[in-house]
Protein backbone atom coordinates (compact mmCIF):
# COMPACT_ATOMS: atom_id res chain seq x y z
CA UNK A 1 -0.21 -0.11 -0.15
CA UNK A 2 2.95 2.26 0.23
CA UNK A 3 2.97 2.79 -3.47
CA UNK A 4 -0.49 4.59 -3.29
CA UNK A 5 -0.19 8.51 -3.77
CA UNK A 6 -0.72 10.84 -0.74
CA UNK A 7 -2.65 13.73 -1.69
CA UNK A 8 -3.36 16.18 1.26
CA UNK A 9 -3.70 14.18 4.53
CA UNK A 10 -1.93 10.93 4.91
CA UNK A 11 -4.34 8.12 4.37
CA UNK A 12 -4.08 4.87 6.45
CA UNK A 13 -5.36 2.17 4.14
CA UNK A 14 -6.26 -1.04 5.92
CA UNK A 15 -5.12 -4.33 4.27
CA UNK A 16 -8.28 -6.17 5.20
CA UNK A 17 -8.92 -9.87 5.72
CA UNK A 18 -11.25 -10.65 2.83
CA UNK A 19 -9.56 -10.37 -0.37
CA UNK A 20 -10.69 -9.88 -4.05
CA UNK A 21 -8.32 -12.47 -5.28
CA UNK A 22 -9.88 -15.15 -3.21
CA UNK A 23 -13.28 -14.15 -4.10
CA UNK A 24 -12.39 -14.25 -7.87
CA UNK A 25 -10.90 -17.79 -7.54
CA UNK A 26 -14.01 -18.99 -5.78
CA UNK A 27 -16.31 -17.77 -8.59
CA UNK A 28 -14.19 -19.40 -11.12
CA UNK A 29 -12.19 -16.49 -12.73
CA UNK A 30 -8.98 -18.10 -13.82
CA UNK A 31 -5.38 -16.55 -13.21
CA UNK A 32 -4.55 -14.77 -16.53
CA UNK A 33 -0.94 -13.82 -17.58
CA UNK A 34 -0.90 -10.18 -18.63
CA UNK A 35 -2.00 -9.86 -22.24
CA UNK A 36 -2.88 -6.04 -22.72
CA UNK A 37 -0.40 -3.60 -23.84
CA UNK A 38 -1.54 0.07 -23.20
CA UNK A 39 -0.17 2.92 -24.97
CA UNK A 40 1.17 6.49 -23.75
CA UNK A 41 0.55 9.13 -26.37
CA UNK A 42 1.61 11.85 -23.91
CA UNK A 43 -0.02 11.35 -20.47
CA UNK A 44 1.14 13.62 -17.90
CA UNK A 45 3.47 11.79 -15.46
CA UNK A 46 0.87 11.81 -12.57
CA UNK A 47 -1.71 10.17 -14.47
CA UNK A 48 0.89 7.75 -15.89
CA UNK A 49 2.19 6.79 -12.48
CA UNK A 50 -1.41 6.50 -11.16
CA UNK A 51 -2.21 3.81 -13.72
CA UNK A 52 1.11 1.95 -13.20
CA UNK A 53 0.21 1.67 -9.44
CA UNK A 54 -3.35 0.65 -10.14
CA UNK A 55 -3.04 -1.65 -13.26
CA UNK A 56 0.67 -2.51 -13.66
CA UNK A 57 0.18 -6.05 -12.87
CA UNK A 58 -2.15 -6.34 -15.88
CA UNK A 59 0.14 -4.86 -18.50
CA UNK A 60 2.04 -7.06 -20.74
CA UNK A 61 4.16 -4.01 -21.81
CA UNK A 62 3.61 -0.16 -22.21
CA UNK A 63 4.05 1.41 -25.55
CA UNK A 64 5.41 4.95 -25.34
CA UNK A 65 3.80 5.85 -28.49
CA UNK A 66 4.37 8.07 -31.45
CA UNK A 67 7.28 10.59 -30.95
CA UNK A 68 5.61 12.36 -27.91
CA UNK A 69 8.58 10.99 -25.81
CA UNK A 70 11.17 12.72 -28.08
CA UNK A 71 9.86 16.45 -27.58
CA UNK A 72 8.53 16.41 -24.00
CA UNK A 73 10.63 17.11 -21.07
CA UNK A 74 13.25 14.65 -21.44
CA UNK A 75 13.67 13.91 -17.78
CA UNK A 76 10.03 13.14 -17.66
CA UNK A 77 10.38 10.69 -20.61
CA UNK A 78 13.37 8.93 -18.90
CA UNK A 79 11.27 8.88 -15.65
CA UNK A 80 8.43 7.02 -17.43
CA UNK A 81 10.84 4.26 -18.66
CA UNK A 82 12.30 4.07 -15.07
CA UNK A 83 8.91 3.76 -13.71
CA UNK A 84 7.96 0.88 -15.81
CA UNK A 85 10.91 -0.86 -14.79
CA UNK A 86 10.18 -0.34 -11.17
CA UNK A 87 6.75 -1.94 -11.68
CA UNK A 88 8.10 -4.85 -13.96
CA UNK A 89 6.32 -3.53 -17.12
CA UNK A 90 8.46 -3.73 -20.46
CA UNK A 91 8.46 -0.79 -22.62
CA UNK A 92 8.36 -0.42 -26.35
CA UNK A 93 8.66 2.70 -28.63
CA UNK A 94 6.15 3.30 -31.46
CA UNK A 95 6.68 2.33 -34.93
CA UNK A 96 6.34 5.97 -36.38
CA UNK A 97 9.74 7.22 -34.93
CA UNK A 98 11.58 4.00 -36.22
CA UNK A 99 10.17 4.74 -39.84
CA UNK A 100 11.24 8.21 -39.72
CA UNK A 101 14.83 7.29 -38.33
CA UNK A 102 15.23 4.82 -41.28
CA UNK A 103 14.04 7.22 -43.86
CA UNK A 104 16.35 10.03 -42.61
CA UNK A 105 19.31 7.63 -42.48
CA UNK A 106 19.90 7.81 -38.71
CA UNK A 107 18.67 4.38 -37.45
CA UNK A 108 21.82 3.62 -35.53
CA UNK A 109 21.36 7.04 -33.61
CA UNK A 110 17.83 6.36 -33.00
CA UNK A 111 18.63 2.99 -31.48
CA UNK A 112 21.38 4.51 -29.40
CA UNK A 113 18.80 6.96 -28.05
CA UNK A 114 16.09 4.35 -27.31
CA UNK A 115 18.82 2.31 -25.42
CA UNK A 116 19.96 5.26 -23.49
CA UNK A 117 16.45 6.07 -22.37
CA UNK A 118 16.16 2.44 -20.91
CA UNK A 119 13.22 1.25 -23.05
CA UNK A 120 13.02 -2.45 -23.57
CA UNK A 121 11.92 -2.77 -27.16
CA UNK A 122 11.33 -0.98 -30.49
CA UNK A 123 8.58 -1.44 -32.91
CA UNK A 124 9.63 -1.64 -36.53
CA UNK A 125 7.36 -1.42 -39.64
CA UNK A 126 6.52 -0.02 -42.92
CA UNK A 127 3.20 1.64 -42.12
CA UNK A 128 3.84 4.73 -44.06
CA UNK A 129 7.26 4.33 -45.65
CA UNK A 130 9.14 1.46 -47.51
CA UNK A 131 12.39 0.13 -46.01
CA UNK A 132 15.22 -1.45 -47.89
CA UNK A 133 16.71 -2.75 -44.57
CA UNK A 134 16.47 -6.52 -43.92
CA UNK A 135 14.90 -7.99 -40.70
CA UNK A 136 18.33 -9.32 -39.87
CA UNK A 137 19.96 -6.08 -40.25
CA UNK A 138 17.29 -4.20 -37.90
CA UNK A 139 17.02 -6.90 -35.38
CA UNK A 140 20.90 -7.36 -35.30
CA UNK A 141 21.47 -3.64 -34.87
CA UNK A 142 18.89 -3.47 -31.88
CA UNK A 143 20.15 -6.57 -30.17
CA UNK A 144 23.48 -5.19 -30.18
CA UNK A 145 22.25 -2.39 -28.05
CA UNK A 146 20.38 -4.76 -25.82
CA UNK A 147 16.94 -4.01 -27.25
CA UNK A 148 14.20 -6.43 -28.49
CA UNK A 149 12.13 -5.91 -31.77
CA UNK A 150 8.47 -6.27 -32.84
CA UNK A 151 7.12 -5.78 -36.16
CA UNK A 152 3.72 -4.12 -37.17
CA UNK A 153 2.07 -5.71 -40.16
CA UNK A 154 -0.10 -3.36 -42.43
CA UNK A 155 -0.05 0.17 -43.90
CA UNK A 156 -1.50 2.97 -41.90
CA UNK A 157 -3.16 4.50 -44.98
CA UNK A 158 -3.81 1.30 -47.08
CA UNK A 159 -7.50 0.65 -46.02
CA UNK A 160 -8.85 -2.52 -44.65
CA UNK A 161 -7.11 -5.81 -45.43
CA UNK A 162 -7.95 -8.08 -48.45
CA UNK A 163 -7.14 -11.78 -48.59
CA UNK A 164 -4.27 -11.15 -50.91
CA UNK A 165 -2.82 -8.47 -48.61
CA UNK A 166 -3.16 -10.84 -45.68
CA UNK A 167 -1.20 -13.42 -47.59
CA UNK A 168 1.61 -11.01 -48.18
CA UNK A 169 1.61 -9.80 -44.58
CA UNK A 170 1.84 -13.40 -43.17
CA UNK A 171 4.74 -13.94 -45.34
CA UNK A 172 6.49 -10.69 -44.09
CA UNK A 173 5.67 -11.42 -40.46
CA UNK A 174 7.27 -14.95 -40.73
CA UNK A 175 10.44 -13.27 -42.06
CA UNK A 176 10.63 -11.02 -39.05
CA UNK A 177 9.88 -13.62 -36.64
CA UNK A 178 12.36 -16.16 -38.09
CA UNK A 179 14.84 -13.20 -37.97
CA UNK A 180 14.36 -12.80 -34.25
CA UNK A 181 11.55 -10.49 -33.67
CA UNK A 182 9.54 -11.30 -30.54
CA UNK A 183 6.00 -10.70 -31.93
CA UNK A 184 4.02 -9.17 -34.71
CA UNK A 185 1.27 -6.48 -34.35
CA UNK A 186 -1.71 -6.21 -36.48
CA UNK A 187 -2.48 -2.58 -37.51
CA UNK A 188 -5.68 -0.88 -36.65
CA UNK A 189 -4.42 2.60 -35.85
CA UNK A 190 -6.42 4.80 -33.43
CA UNK A 191 -9.91 4.00 -34.92
CA UNK A 192 -10.29 0.57 -35.91
CA UNK A 193 -12.31 1.75 -38.90
CA UNK A 194 -11.48 1.14 -42.59
CA UNK A 195 -8.02 -0.31 -41.44
CA UNK A 196 -6.64 -3.82 -40.79
CA UNK A 197 -9.14 -6.33 -40.02
CA UNK A 198 -11.96 -3.66 -39.55
CA UNK A 199 -14.01 -2.48 -42.59
CA UNK A 200 -15.25 1.04 -43.48
CA UNK A 201 -18.01 0.69 -40.99
CA UNK A 202 -15.77 -0.68 -38.09
CA UNK A 203 -16.98 -4.26 -38.56
CA UNK A 204 -14.66 -6.85 -37.46
CA UNK A 205 -13.51 -9.37 -40.13
CA UNK A 206 -12.93 -12.51 -38.11
CA UNK A 207 -11.78 -14.58 -40.95
CA UNK A 208 -8.83 -12.41 -41.69
CA UNK A 209 -7.99 -12.20 -38.12
CA UNK A 210 -8.11 -16.02 -37.79
CA UNK A 211 -5.59 -16.20 -40.73
CA UNK A 212 -3.18 -14.18 -38.57
CA UNK A 213 -3.70 -16.28 -35.48
CA UNK A 214 -3.28 -19.54 -37.37
CA UNK A 215 -0.12 -18.32 -38.91
CA UNK A 216 1.65 -16.88 -35.99
CA UNK A 217 -0.15 -18.30 -32.80
CA UNK A 218 -2.00 -16.02 -30.33
CA UNK A 219 1.19 -15.83 -28.33
CA UNK A 220 3.18 -14.13 -30.85
CA UNK A 221 0.56 -11.93 -32.45
CA UNK A 222 -0.83 -8.93 -30.90
CA UNK A 223 -3.97 -7.11 -32.55
CA UNK A 224 -4.39 -3.38 -31.95
CA UNK A 225 -7.76 -2.71 -30.37
CA UNK A 226 -7.90 1.20 -29.88
CA UNK A 227 -11.79 1.43 -28.79
CA UNK A 228 -14.47 -0.47 -27.32
CA UNK A 229 -15.99 -2.15 -30.32
CA UNK A 230 -12.68 -3.49 -31.41
CA UNK A 231 -11.63 -4.66 -27.92
CA UNK A 232 -14.82 -6.42 -27.38
CA UNK A 233 -14.94 -7.98 -30.84
CA UNK A 234 -11.68 -9.66 -30.63
CA UNK A 235 -12.21 -10.89 -27.02
CA UNK A 236 -15.69 -12.30 -28.17
CA UNK A 237 -14.00 -13.99 -31.09
CA UNK A 238 -10.69 -15.33 -29.77
CA UNK A 239 -11.27 -15.60 -25.90
CA UNK A 240 -9.38 -14.43 -22.95
CA UNK A 241 -5.87 -15.39 -24.23
CA UNK A 242 -5.81 -12.84 -27.28
CA UNK A 243 -3.25 -10.14 -26.85
CA UNK A 244 -4.46 -6.71 -27.49
CA UNK A 245 -2.56 -3.36 -27.70
CA UNK A 246 -3.33 0.40 -28.42
CA UNK A 247 -5.39 0.37 -25.17
CA UNK A 248 -5.77 3.74 -23.52
CA UNK A 249 -4.87 3.76 -19.80
CA UNK A 250 -8.19 4.67 -18.67
CA UNK A 251 -9.54 1.60 -20.61
CA UNK A 252 -7.28 -1.08 -19.19
CA UNK A 253 -9.53 -2.18 -16.38
CA UNK A 254 -12.59 -2.30 -18.59
CA UNK A 255 -10.78 -4.74 -21.14
CA UNK A 256 -9.49 -6.73 -18.21
CA UNK A 257 -12.89 -7.32 -16.58
CA UNK A 258 -14.28 -8.28 -19.98
CA UNK A 259 -11.39 -10.64 -20.43
CA UNK A 260 -12.31 -12.37 -17.30
CA UNK A 261 -16.10 -12.59 -18.05
CA UNK A 262 -16.90 -9.94 -15.22
CA UNK A 263 -18.62 -7.62 -17.56
CA UNK A 264 -22.26 -8.11 -18.32
CA UNK A 265 -21.71 -8.44 -22.15
CA UNK A 266 -18.67 -10.60 -21.66
CA UNK A 267 -20.82 -13.05 -19.29
CA UNK A 268 -22.99 -14.05 -22.33
CA UNK A 269 -19.93 -15.60 -24.11
CA UNK A 270 -19.00 -19.05 -23.18
CA UNK A 271 -15.26 -18.57 -23.99
CA UNK A 272 -15.06 -15.60 -21.38
CA UNK A 273 -17.76 -16.49 -18.73
CA UNK A 274 -16.25 -18.08 -15.72
CA UNK A 275 -17.16 -21.73 -15.39
CA UNK A 276 -20.38 -22.51 -13.38
CA UNK A 277 -19.43 -23.63 -9.59
CA UNK A 278 -19.69 -27.35 -9.24
């Protein structure tokens, strides 16, 4: 309880004798490894810290997204990386800065910067650029600096996926995973509308998502789910084991109660609802 912020008068928080974890186990909610990766598009450090305290144990990683960490107060950005390490949450920088660094001819300097800030991983991709570097060249340069790599599949402005595009992306994803990338990320941007596995009306194309899951496995494939409809659609379809990212910090707990069948809509789905007591 010492991690809780103290605002105004000191607050004595009793530890209690009846705990939520025991109750959840009693009603059949399974223990679930962290499978949600929130993103930080530039939250203030107090909000950032509050969510780490509250939900850090539910986070698979924290994406320090876009290039906001490069232009905000540098000590604050370094503090965010250090705070995540303190709470055992790996960090990953967004793919946009990587693509710009490659196009501007300064990938080595970018990797030096990421490593010096203390981030865990970079996201590579070709979302709005084309790259001539091979997976081996990128991953080798990153690993030489103690960094991991994940690769984002899909163009940011290419519209919803088609069957032929998915085949090409699966081939691309396999090259990166074979080269040493830790996982692949399926593009959905900040809208999940007219991009990736979501059509122009925001409807989820389960058949396309199934192809990615079959090719890579749910343990090495992470789906961007930036809003409630996309989050619920992916959880309804794949169940509690699906890995989701691009989740806003204030939406983590909603995603996680849904994942555990503790949301009224999730309780209707057999693959999410806790098993009935015997």
